[in-house]
Amino acid sequence: MTSVMGLFCRAGRTGLDLAIAKWIVERHGGEITPASVLGQGTKMMLRFPVLQRRG
């Protein structure tokens, strides 16, 4: 099982926040989608499945 500390060791000094976000999102059944615009930066969309309540 990959741990957050393992991600820290592999990611180095750059991209650590994205590596941790990806790790969390994927473990909750979600996905991350990047949207980049040259000169304006990158936005990351995080999507998580909706939990259905039993009723």
N, C-alpha and C. Protein backbone atom coordinates (compact mmCIF):
# COMPACT_ATOMS: atom_id res chain seq x y z
N MET A 1 0.85 -1.19 0.00
CA MET A 1 0.00 0.00 0.00
C MET A 1 0.89 1.24 0.00
N THR A 2 0.59 2.17 -0.88
CA THR A 2 1.34 3.42 -0.97
C THR A 2 0.91 4.34 0.16
N SER A 3 1.87 4.93 0.83
CA SER A 3 1.56 5.86 1.91
C SER A 3 1.88 7.28 1.47
N VAL A 4 1.38 8.24 2.20
CA VAL A 4 1.68 9.64 1.90
C VAL A 4 3.17 9.89 2.03
N MET A 5 3.82 9.27 3.02
CA MET A 5 5.26 9.45 3.18
C MET A 5 6.02 8.90 1.98
N GLY A 6 5.55 7.80 1.42
CA GLY A 6 6.16 7.25 0.21
C GLY A 6 6.06 8.22 -0.95
N LEU A 7 4.93 8.88 -1.06
CA LEU A 7 4.75 9.89 -2.10
C LEU A 7 5.71 11.04 -1.87
N PHE A 8 5.90 11.43 -0.62
CA PHE A 8 6.81 12.53 -0.28
C PHE A 8 8.22 12.20 -0.74
N CYS A 9 8.64 10.98 -0.52
CA CYS A 9 10.00 10.58 -0.88
C CYS A 9 10.18 10.56 -2.40
N ARG A 10 9.16 10.15 -3.15
CA ARG A 10 9.27 10.05 -4.61
C ARG A 10 9.08 11.38 -5.30
N ALA A 11 8.21 12.24 -4.75
CA ALA A 11 7.85 13.49 -5.42
C ALA A 11 8.97 14.52 -5.39
N GLY A 12 9.83 14.43 -4.39
CA GLY A 12 10.89 15.42 -4.29
C GLY A 12 10.36 16.76 -3.85
N ARG A 13 10.95 17.82 -4.36
CA ARG A 13 10.58 19.15 -3.89
C ARG A 13 9.47 19.80 -4.69
N THR A 14 9.14 19.27 -5.85
CA THR A 14 8.10 19.88 -6.66
C THR A 14 6.97 18.89 -6.89
N GLY A 15 5.77 19.40 -6.96
CA GLY A 15 4.62 18.56 -7.26
C GLY A 15 4.10 17.74 -6.10
N LEU A 16 4.58 18.00 -4.90
CA LEU A 16 4.14 17.21 -3.76
C LEU A 16 2.66 17.41 -3.48
N ASP A 17 2.18 18.65 -3.56
CA ASP A 17 0.77 18.90 -3.29
C ASP A 17 -0.13 18.15 -4.26
N LEU A 18 0.23 18.12 -5.53
CA LEU A 18 -0.56 17.40 -6.52
C LEU A 18 -0.49 15.89 -6.29
N ALA A 19 0.67 15.38 -5.91
CA ALA A 19 0.81 13.95 -5.64
C ALA A 19 -0.08 13.53 -4.47
N ILE A 20 -0.12 14.35 -3.42
CA ILE A 20 -0.95 14.04 -2.27
C ILE A 20 -2.43 14.15 -2.63
N ALA A 21 -2.80 15.19 -3.37
CA ALA A 21 -4.20 15.35 -3.80
C ALA A 21 -4.64 14.17 -4.64
N LYS A 22 -3.81 13.74 -5.57
CA LYS A 22 -4.14 12.60 -6.43
C LYS A 22 -4.32 11.34 -5.59
N TRP A 23 -3.44 11.13 -4.62
CA TRP A 23 -3.51 9.97 -3.75
C TRP A 23 -4.83 9.95 -2.98
N ILE A 24 -5.23 11.09 -2.41
CA ILE A 24 -6.47 11.18 -1.65
C ILE A 24 -7.68 10.98 -2.53
N VAL A 25 -7.73 11.68 -3.67
CA VAL A 25 -8.88 11.60 -4.57
C VAL A 25 -9.08 10.18 -5.10
N GLU A 26 -8.01 9.52 -5.53
CA GLU A 26 -8.14 8.18 -6.08
C GLU A 26 -8.58 7.17 -5.02
N ARG A 27 -8.17 7.34 -3.78
CA ARG A 27 -8.59 6.42 -2.73
C ARG A 27 -10.04 6.60 -2.34
N HIS A 28 -10.64 7.71 -2.75
CA HIS A 28 -12.06 7.94 -2.52
C HIS A 28 -12.89 7.69 -3.78
N GLY A 29 -12.28 7.06 -4.78
CA GLY A 29 -13.01 6.72 -6.00
C GLY A 29 -13.20 7.87 -6.95
N GLY A 30 -12.43 8.94 -6.80
CA GLY A 30 -12.60 10.11 -7.65
C GLY A 30 -11.52 10.22 -8.71
N GLU A 31 -11.48 11.38 -9.33
CA GLU A 31 -10.48 11.63 -10.37
C GLU A 31 -10.10 13.11 -10.37
N ILE A 32 -8.89 13.40 -10.88
CA ILE A 32 -8.41 14.77 -11.04
C ILE A 32 -8.21 15.03 -12.51
N THR A 33 -8.73 16.18 -12.98
CA THR A 33 -8.59 16.55 -14.38
C THR A 33 -7.96 17.93 -14.47
N PRO A 34 -6.81 18.06 -15.17
CA PRO A 34 -6.19 19.37 -15.32
C PRO A 34 -6.77 20.16 -16.49
N ALA A 35 -6.79 21.48 -16.35
CA ALA A 35 -7.20 22.37 -17.44
C ALA A 35 -6.21 23.52 -17.46
N SER A 36 -5.34 23.56 -18.47
CA SER A 36 -4.29 24.57 -18.55
C SER A 36 -4.58 25.58 -19.65
N VAL A 37 -4.25 26.84 -19.37
CA VAL A 37 -4.31 27.91 -20.36
C VAL A 37 -2.95 28.59 -20.31
N LEU A 38 -2.27 28.63 -21.45
CA LEU A 38 -0.94 29.21 -21.53
C LEU A 38 -0.94 30.64 -21.00
N GLY A 39 -0.05 30.92 -20.07
CA GLY A 39 0.05 32.25 -19.49
C GLY A 39 -0.92 32.53 -18.36
N GLN A 40 -1.85 31.60 -18.10
CA GLN A 40 -2.84 31.82 -17.05
C GLN A 40 -2.77 30.78 -15.94
N GLY A 41 -1.98 29.75 -16.13
CA GLY A 41 -1.84 28.72 -15.10
C GLY A 41 -2.70 27.50 -15.37
N THR A 42 -2.80 26.69 -14.35
CA THR A 42 -3.54 25.43 -14.45
C THR A 42 -4.55 25.32 -13.34
N LYS A 43 -5.76 24.90 -13.70
CA LYS A 43 -6.80 24.61 -12.72
C LYS A 43 -6.96 23.09 -12.66
N MET A 44 -7.20 22.58 -11.47
CA MET A 44 -7.40 21.15 -11.29
C MET A 44 -8.83 20.93 -10.82
N MET A 45 -9.57 20.08 -11.54
CA MET A 45 -10.93 19.73 -11.14
C MET A 45 -10.88 18.40 -10.40
N LEU A 46 -11.39 18.38 -9.19
CA LEU A 46 -11.46 17.17 -8.40
C LEU A 46 -12.91 16.70 -8.39
N ARG A 47 -13.12 15.45 -8.76
CA ARG A 47 -14.47 14.88 -8.78
C ARG A 47 -14.51 13.68 -7.86
N PHE A 48 -15.55 13.65 -7.03
CA PHE A 48 -15.77 12.54 -6.12
C PHE A 48 -17.14 11.95 -6.38
N PRO A 49 -17.30 10.63 -6.19
CA PRO A 49 -18.61 10.04 -6.36
C PRO A 49 -19.57 10.53 -5.27
N VAL A 50 -20.84 10.60 -5.62
CA VAL A 50 -21.86 11.03 -4.68
C VAL A 50 -22.28 9.84 -3.82
N LEU A 51 -22.35 10.06 -2.53
CA LEU A 51 -22.78 9.01 -1.62
C LEU A 51 -24.30 9.01 -1.56
N GLN A 52 -24.88 7.89 -1.85
CA GLN A 52 -26.34 7.75 -1.80
C GLN A 52 -26.75 7.31 -0.39
N ARG A 53 -27.68 8.03 0.18
CA ARG A 53 -28.17 7.68 1.52
C ARG A 53 -29.20 6.56 1.43
N ARG A 54 -29.12 5.70 2.38
CA ARG A 54 -30.15 4.64 2.45
C ARG A 54 -31.37 5.22 3.13
N GLY A 55 -32.51 4.92 2.60
CA GLY A 55 -33.63 5.58 3.20
C GLY A 55 -34.85 4.84 3.33
